[in-house]
């Protein structure tokens, strides 16, 4: 097992993926670390600069996670075996034109999933472009263990999907900003 661990660590270091994998793991481990009750009311969306960004169902969950933050950060870092997560930042999707401060405490985000899926239950399409690219990358590696190869393929494909989703979000944000600027100048 130490030999496999060494090979995986070598691949992560050679390709410069270690930090990205750990950041993605922080997001993926969220439901497991926090438990089902919190996972159904708070979804880890992304990780950047030591901060885990979490979307919550209601203002009550923002307060709850604020009180649990130190404990959750400790648990996450324990699972990652590194002091990667420094802070948890919560957000709520507010209705258009309304400020978060004006929300009633019992208000719930209608766009929040009724039952957010837990990552271990999500099955990605094994034939999508990300999975094929991950299979090529792992195929070039010196990993002989088929089980470890499959784990690495899933991990790499997940990281590639996350990077693609982030790029799409940035594109959408830029397009929205352009539309907003155009709207302001027309008046």
C-alpha atoms as a PDB file:
ATOM      1  CA  UNK A   1       0.000   0.000   0.000  1.00  0.00           C
ATOM      2  CA  UNK A   2       2.886   2.380   0.753  1.00  0.00           C
ATOM      3  CA  UNK A   3       4.174   1.741  -2.771  1.00  0.00           C
ATOM      4  CA  UNK A   4       0.819   2.754  -4.289  1.00  0.00           C
ATOM      5  CA  UNK A   5       0.671   5.831  -2.040  1.00  0.00           C
ATOM      6  CA  UNK A   6       4.158   6.792  -3.209  1.00  0.00           C
ATOM      7  CA  UNK A   7       3.169   6.426  -6.868  1.00  0.00           C
ATOM      8  CA  UNK A   8       0.032   8.518  -6.388  1.00  0.00           C
ATOM      9  CA  UNK A   9       1.970  11.203  -4.505  1.00  0.00           C
ATOM     10  CA  UNK A  10       4.623  11.239  -7.222  1.00  0.00           C
ATOM     11  CA  UNK A  11       2.004  11.701  -9.960  1.00  0.00           C
ATOM     12  CA  UNK A  12       0.268  14.481  -8.022  1.00  0.00           C
ATOM     13  CA  UNK A  13       3.579  16.281  -7.481  1.00  0.00           C
ATOM     14  CA  UNK A  14       4.819  15.806 -11.068  1.00  0.00           C
ATOM     15  CA  UNK A  15       1.661  17.231 -12.571  1.00  0.00           C
ATOM     16  CA  UNK A  16       1.233  19.934  -9.932  1.00  0.00           C
ATOM     17  CA  UNK A  17      -2.193  18.645  -8.941  1.00  0.00           C
ATOM     18  CA  UNK A  18      -1.742  18.077  -5.208  1.00  0.00           C
ATOM     19  CA  UNK A  19      -3.242  21.419  -4.131  1.00  0.00           C
ATOM     20  CA  UNK A  20      -6.149  21.168  -6.589  1.00  0.00           C
ATOM     21  CA  UNK A  21      -6.946  17.624  -5.457  1.00  0.00           C
ATOM     22  CA  UNK A  22      -6.894  18.637  -1.787  1.00  0.00           C
ATOM     23  CA  UNK A  23      -9.127  21.639  -2.490  1.00  0.00           C
ATOM     24  CA  UNK A  24     -11.600  19.454  -4.378  1.00  0.00           C
ATOM     25  CA  UNK A  25     -11.478  16.892  -1.578  1.00  0.00           C
ATOM     26  CA  UNK A  26     -12.441  19.607   0.926  1.00  0.00           C
ATOM     27  CA  UNK A  27     -15.618  20.226  -1.094  1.00  0.00           C
ATOM     28  CA  UNK A  28     -16.323  16.524  -1.703  1.00  0.00           C
ATOM     29  CA  UNK A  29     -15.795  15.534   1.951  1.00  0.00           C
ATOM     30  CA  UNK A  30     -18.252  18.156   3.251  1.00  0.00           C
ATOM     31  CA  UNK A  31     -21.353  15.894   3.478  1.00  0.00           C
ATOM     32  CA  UNK A  32     -19.402  13.094   5.100  1.00  0.00           C
ATOM     33  CA  UNK A  33     -17.745  15.373   7.664  1.00  0.00           C
ATOM     34  CA  UNK A  34     -20.813  17.417   8.635  1.00  0.00           C
ATOM     35  CA  UNK A  35     -23.376  14.622   8.647  1.00  0.00           C
ATOM     36  CA  UNK A  36     -26.637  14.177   6.810  1.00  0.00           C
ATOM     37  CA  UNK A  37     -28.667  16.851   8.629  1.00  0.00           C
ATOM     38  CA  UNK A  38     -26.248  19.676   7.857  1.00  0.00           C
ATOM     39  CA  UNK A  39     -25.510  18.296   4.373  1.00  0.00           C
ATOM     40  CA  UNK A  40     -29.202  18.546   3.494  1.00  0.00           C
ATOM     41  CA  UNK A  41     -29.211  22.226   4.460  1.00  0.00           C
ATOM     42  CA  UNK A  42     -25.727  23.371   3.424  1.00  0.00           C
ATOM     43  CA  UNK A  43     -23.842  22.546   0.230  1.00  0.00           C
ATOM     44  CA  UNK A  44     -20.109  23.094  -0.129  1.00  0.00           C
ATOM     45  CA  UNK A  45     -19.685  24.745  -3.532  1.00  0.00           C
ATOM     46  CA  UNK A  46     -16.042  25.717  -3.884  1.00  0.00           C
ATOM     47  CA  UNK A  47     -12.764  26.260  -2.109  1.00  0.00           C
ATOM     48  CA  UNK A  48     -10.374  29.154  -2.597  1.00  0.00           C
ATOM     49  CA  UNK A  49      -7.543  30.612  -0.561  1.00  0.00           C
ATOM     50  CA  UNK A  50      -8.220  28.656   2.616  1.00  0.00           C
ATOM     51  CA  UNK A  51     -11.947  29.447   2.534  1.00  0.00           C
ATOM     52  CA  UNK A  52     -14.640  26.832   1.937  1.00  0.00           C
ATOM     53  CA  UNK A  53     -17.682  28.528   0.388  1.00  0.00           C
ATOM     54  CA  UNK A  54     -20.968  26.944   1.450  1.00  0.00           C
ATOM     55  CA  UNK A  55     -24.481  27.703   0.189  1.00  0.00           C
ATOM     56  CA  UNK A  56     -27.154  27.371   2.882  1.00  0.00           C
ATOM     57  CA  UNK A  57     -30.909  26.945   2.810  1.00  0.00           C
ATOM     58  CA  UNK A  58     -31.788  29.772   5.220  1.00  0.00           C
ATOM     59  CA  UNK A  59     -30.337  32.483   7.473  1.00  0.00           C
ATOM     60  CA  UNK A  60     -30.775  30.089  10.409  1.00  0.00           C
ATOM     61  CA  UNK A  61     -28.253  27.731   8.833  1.00  0.00           C
ATOM     62  CA  UNK A  62     -25.797  30.595   8.402  1.00  0.00           C
ATOM     63  CA  UNK A  63     -25.932  31.169  12.152  1.00  0.00           C
ATOM     64  CA  UNK A  64     -25.758  27.454  12.946  1.00  0.00           C
ATOM     65  CA  UNK A  65     -22.648  26.956  10.812  1.00  0.00           C
ATOM     66  CA  UNK A  66     -21.065  30.059  12.313  1.00  0.00           C
ATOM     67  CA  UNK A  67     -21.348  28.463  15.762  1.00  0.00           C
ATOM     68  CA  UNK A  68     -20.028  25.114  14.475  1.00  0.00           C
ATOM     69  CA  UNK A  69     -17.284  26.590  12.263  1.00  0.00           C
ATOM     70  CA  UNK A  70     -14.273  25.781  14.475  1.00  0.00           C
ATOM     71  CA  UNK A  71     -15.408  22.184  14.965  1.00  0.00           C
ATOM     72  CA  UNK A  72     -16.149  21.673  11.253  1.00  0.00           C
ATOM     73  CA  UNK A  73     -12.826  23.216  10.168  1.00  0.00           C
ATOM     74  CA  UNK A  74     -10.999  20.885  12.573  1.00  0.00           C
ATOM     75  CA  UNK A  75     -12.876  17.840  11.242  1.00  0.00           C
ATOM     76  CA  UNK A  76     -12.234  18.760   7.599  1.00  0.00           C
ATOM     77  CA  UNK A  77      -8.542  19.381   8.195  1.00  0.00           C
ATOM     78  CA  UNK A  78      -8.326  16.104  10.096  1.00  0.00           C
ATOM     79  CA  UNK A  79      -9.748  14.223   7.120  1.00  0.00           C
ATOM     80  CA  UNK A  80      -7.439  16.078   4.707  1.00  0.00           C
ATOM     81  CA  UNK A  81      -4.458  15.540   7.047  1.00  0.00           C
ATOM     82  CA  UNK A  82      -3.432  19.150   6.423  1.00  0.00           C
ATOM     83  CA  UNK A  83      -4.386  22.559   7.769  1.00  0.00           C
ATOM     84  CA  UNK A  84      -5.953  23.527   4.448  1.00  0.00           C
ATOM     85  CA  UNK A  85      -9.365  24.901   5.492  1.00  0.00           C
ATOM     86  CA  UNK A  86      -9.036  28.121   7.508  1.00  0.00           C
ATOM     87  CA  UNK A  87     -12.577  29.499   7.323  1.00  0.00           C
ATOM     88  CA  UNK A  88     -16.082  28.583   6.207  1.00  0.00           C
ATOM     89  CA  UNK A  89     -18.054  31.322   4.480  1.00  0.00           C
ATOM     90  CA  UNK A  90     -21.810  30.843   4.107  1.00  0.00           C
ATOM     91  CA  UNK A  91     -24.101  32.447   1.553  1.00  0.00           C
ATOM     92  CA  UNK A  92     -27.795  32.452   0.748  1.00  0.00           C
ATOM     93  CA  UNK A  93     -29.319  33.012  -2.669  1.00  0.00           C
ATOM     94  CA  UNK A  94     -31.595  35.981  -2.021  1.00  0.00           C
ATOM     95  CA  UNK A  95     -34.571  36.928  -4.193  1.00  0.00           C
ATOM     96  CA  UNK A  96     -33.813  39.554  -6.852  1.00  0.00           C
ATOM     97  CA  UNK A  97     -33.927  43.062  -5.425  1.00  0.00           C
ATOM     98  CA  UNK A  98     -33.805  41.971  -1.789  1.00  0.00           C
ATOM     99  CA  UNK A  99     -30.888  42.308   0.602  1.00  0.00           C
ATOM    100  CA  UNK A 100     -29.848  39.448   2.834  1.00  0.00           C
ATOM    101  CA  UNK A 101     -30.259  41.684   5.897  1.00  0.00           C
ATOM    102  CA  UNK A 102     -33.966  42.116   5.053  1.00  0.00           C
ATOM    103  CA  UNK A 103     -34.733  38.378   5.055  1.00  0.00           C
ATOM    104  CA  UNK A 104     -36.861  36.986   7.855  1.00  0.00           C
ATOM    105  CA  UNK A 105     -35.054  34.398   9.989  1.00  0.00           C
ATOM    106  CA  UNK A 106     -37.386  31.583   8.899  1.00  0.00           C
ATOM    107  CA  UNK A 107     -37.131  32.413   5.170  1.00  0.00           C
ATOM    108  CA  UNK A 108     -35.913  29.522   3.015  1.00  0.00           C
ATOM    109  CA  UNK A 109     -34.279  29.744  -0.405  1.00  0.00           C
ATOM    110  CA  UNK A 110     -36.844  28.323  -2.882  1.00  0.00           C
ATOM    111  CA  UNK A 111     -34.060  27.475  -5.350  1.00  0.00           C
ATOM    112  CA  UNK A 112     -32.188  25.356  -2.794  1.00  0.00           C
ATOM    113  CA  UNK A 113     -32.472  21.647  -3.657  1.00  0.00           C
ATOM    114  CA  UNK A 114     -35.057  19.816  -1.538  1.00  0.00           C
ATOM    115  CA  UNK A 115     -32.632  16.934  -1.021  1.00  0.00           C
ATOM    116  CA  UNK A 116     -29.122  17.843  -2.123  1.00  0.00           C
ATOM    117  CA  UNK A 117     -27.334  14.778  -3.449  1.00  0.00           C
ATOM    118  CA  UNK A 118     -24.489  13.354  -1.445  1.00  0.00           C
ATOM    119  CA  UNK A 119     -21.322  12.957  -3.540  1.00  0.00           C
ATOM    120  CA  UNK A 120     -20.939   9.234  -2.904  1.00  0.00           C
ATOM    121  CA  UNK A 121     -24.393   8.651  -4.433  1.00  0.00           C
ATOM    122  CA  UNK A 122     -23.655  10.638  -7.593  1.00  0.00           C
ATOM    123  CA  UNK A 123     -22.603   8.531 -10.557  1.00  0.00           C
ATOM    124  CA  UNK A 124     -20.883  10.472 -13.322  1.00  0.00           C
ATOM    125  CA  UNK A 125     -21.109   9.313 -16.911  1.00  0.00           C
ATOM    126  CA  UNK A 126     -18.035   7.071 -17.365  1.00  0.00           C
ATOM    127  CA  UNK A 127     -17.899   7.929 -21.064  1.00  0.00           C
ATOM    128  CA  UNK A 128     -17.867  11.721 -20.929  1.00  0.00           C
ATOM    129  CA  UNK A 129     -14.869  13.721 -22.176  1.00  0.00           C
ATOM    130  CA  UNK A 130     -13.523  14.279 -18.661  1.00  0.00           C
ATOM    131  CA  UNK A 131     -13.559  10.562 -17.861  1.00  0.00           C
ATOM    132  CA  UNK A 132     -11.863   9.724 -21.166  1.00  0.00           C
ATOM    133  CA  UNK A 133      -9.161  12.345 -20.559  1.00  0.00           C
ATOM    134  CA  UNK A 134      -8.620  11.071 -16.996  1.00  0.00           C
ATOM    135  CA  UNK A 135      -8.325   7.503 -18.321  1.00  0.00           C
ATOM    136  CA  UNK A 136      -5.615   8.655 -20.766  1.00  0.00           C
ATOM    137  CA  UNK A 137      -3.687  10.417 -17.989  1.00  0.00           C
ATOM    138  CA  UNK A 138      -3.838   7.425 -15.650  1.00  0.00           C
ATOM    139  CA  UNK A 139      -2.973   5.111 -18.548  1.00  0.00           C
ATOM    140  CA  UNK A 140       0.355   6.957 -18.908  1.00  0.00           C
ATOM    141  CA  UNK A 141       1.125   6.537 -15.191  1.00  0.00           C
ATOM    142  CA  UNK A 142       3.062   3.667 -13.612  1.00  0.00           C
ATOM    143  CA  UNK A 143       0.034   2.524 -11.550  1.00  0.00           C
ATOM    144  CA  UNK A 144      -0.463  -1.235 -11.957  1.00  0.00           C
ATOM    145  CA  UNK A 145      -3.256  -1.716  -9.421  1.00  0.00           C
ATOM    146  CA  UNK A 146      -6.628  -1.612 -11.284  1.00  0.00           C
ATOM    147  CA  UNK A 147      -8.520  -0.449  -8.184  1.00  0.00           C
ATOM    148  CA  UNK A 148      -6.098   2.443  -7.596  1.00  0.00           C
ATOM    149  CA  UNK A 149      -6.255   3.336 -11.308  1.00  0.00           C
ATOM    150  CA  UNK A 150     -10.049   3.511 -11.118  1.00  0.00           C
ATOM    151  CA  UNK A 151      -9.897   5.743  -8.018  1.00  0.00           C
ATOM    152  CA  UNK A 152      -7.379   8.065  -9.690  1.00  0.00           C
ATOM    153  CA  UNK A 153      -9.502   8.212 -12.868  1.00  0.00           C
ATOM    154  CA  UNK A 154     -12.572   9.249 -10.871  1.00  0.00           C
ATOM    155  CA  UNK A 155     -10.599  11.805  -8.868  1.00  0.00           C
ATOM    156  CA  UNK A 156      -8.976  13.361 -11.933  1.00  0.00           C
ATOM    157  CA  UNK A 157     -12.281  13.392 -13.859  1.00  0.00           C
ATOM    158  CA  UNK A 158     -13.987  15.059 -10.888  1.00  0.00           C
ATOM    159  CA  UNK A 159     -11.270  17.731 -10.753  1.00  0.00           C
ATOM    160  CA  UNK A 160     -11.561  18.341 -14.502  1.00  0.00           C
ATOM    161  CA  UNK A 161     -15.363  18.650 -14.237  1.00  0.00           C
ATOM    162  CA  UNK A 162     -15.013  21.101 -11.344  1.00  0.00           C
ATOM    163  CA  UNK A 163     -12.541  23.232 -13.287  1.00  0.00           C
ATOM    164  CA  UNK A 164     -14.886  23.244 -16.290  1.00  0.00           C
ATOM    165  CA  UNK A 165     -17.895  24.184 -14.132  1.00  0.00           C
ATOM    166  CA  UNK A 166     -15.894  27.007 -12.574  1.00  0.00           C
ATOM    167  CA  UNK A 167     -14.934  28.316 -16.026  1.00  0.00           C
ATOM    168  CA  UNK A 168     -18.597  28.209 -17.088  1.00  0.00           C
ATOM    169  CA  UNK A 169     -19.627  30.121 -13.955  1.00  0.00           C
ATOM    170  CA  UNK A 170     -16.993  32.767 -14.677  1.00  0.00           C
ATOM    171  CA  UNK A 171     -18.217  33.068 -18.275  1.00  0.00           C
ATOM    172  CA  UNK A 172     -21.821  33.459 -17.091  1.00  0.00           C
ATOM    173  CA  UNK A 173     -20.769  36.067 -14.517  1.00  0.00           C
ATOM    174  CA  UNK A 174     -18.858  38.056 -17.140  1.00  0.00           C
ATOM    175  CA  UNK A 175     -21.807  37.919 -19.539  1.00  0.00           C
ATOM    176  CA  UNK A 176     -24.179  39.082 -16.776  1.00  0.00           C
ATOM    177  CA  UNK A 177     -21.801  41.938 -15.911  1.00  0.00           C
ATOM    178  CA  UNK A 178     -21.647  42.980 -19.585  1.00  0.00           C
ATOM    179  CA  UNK A 179     -25.453  43.006 -19.824  1.00  0.00           C
ATOM    180  CA  UNK A 180     -25.712  45.040 -16.624  1.00  0.00           C
ATOM    181  CA  UNK A 181     -23.202  47.591 -17.906  1.00  0.00           C
ATOM    182  CA  UNK A 182     -25.034  47.895 -21.218  1.00  0.00           C
ATOM    183  CA  UNK A 183     -28.324  48.408 -19.361  1.00  0.00           C
ATOM    184  CA  UNK A 184     -26.871  51.215 -17.259  1.00  0.00           C
ATOM    185  CA  UNK A 185     -25.441  53.093 -20.222  1.00  0.00           C
ATOM    186  CA  UNK A 186     -28.672  52.928 -22.270  1.00  0.00           C
ATOM    187  CA  UNK A 187     -30.590  54.994 -19.727  1.00  0.00           C
END
